[in-house]
Amino acid sequence: MALGVTGSSGPSEGSLSFGSLGSGSKGNATLVSDGNTHVLVDCGFGMREAERRLADLGLHPRQLDAVLISHEHGDHVRGVGALARRYGVPVYLTHGTWASGRLGALPHHHWIFPQVRFAIAGLVIDPVTIPHDAREPVQFRFHAAGRSLGVLTDLGHPTAHVIDAFADCDALVLETNHDGRMLAEGPYPARLKRRVGGDWGHLANAQAAALLPLLGLDRLQRIVCSHLSEHNNCPELVLEAMVPLLDGDDSRLMVAAQDSALAWQTIA
């Protein structure tokens, strides 16, 4: 299993690649590219931090073709408005996310309609409705170069619709937010524990492990466990849940860290 910065030097033309600026309770952002088109899924980091983390992966904000927003929570949108206004990056979002009022002015924005496929240059994108306590949340499946990548976090529970939409990906960024026991015994107040562990909250390690075989393991070249809670999870518990599914071979398994980037991963 790999942690932190590891992977290829950058996306190449005619491929499908992805990386993480960081993932966790304090900020989330995922890069996706076909070598020509670069999109950022969410930006939960302030602008200066986002600029620094983009540079770690060899990109300047002016090279971004779009920012896609999954939902309006601060750990996903903190830097979106400032980045869009300073660099003129188009923002794609649902009407519900816009109605939250948390983004401020956006110079260029485009509507996302859940379950309606759209394209940004060579990247084809399926926005998928998911159960989460936000106004109109979606997650994304990307297609390019004959390959597909699923980005699936902030998922209260896996529905039949979600399983169908993310089946047979070639790579998957999957939420492993918390360990059930750590959450139950941890410092959160009871109300927050119910929210995080409920059907409209976040995916537990055990839920993610149960979901993976339903999505299909054979084609998965990369499985990136993401959005780990700093209080209610740790990489060792993620490993304990996930490695048995892979017959003890954890070479396909990675954990996206909060404090460092996950370098470009290219899907063969």
Foldseek 3Di string as FASTA:
>chain_A
DAEFADADLAAAALFWKKKWLFFAPQATWMWIDNRQAIEIEFTLDAPVSVQVSVVVQPDGLLSHQEYEYQAQDNRGHVHPQVSCVVNVHEYEEAPQRVVVVRRPDGPHYDYDDAQDWDDDVQKIKHWHFAQAPGRTGTWIWIDTSRFIEGEEWQHLADDPRNLVVQAPHLEYAYEAAAALVQLVPWDDPPVVSCRCNHRRHTHHLQRVLVSVVSRPDPNHQAYEYGHYYPRGDDVVVSCVSHCVVVVNDCPRYYYGHRPHMYYMHIRD
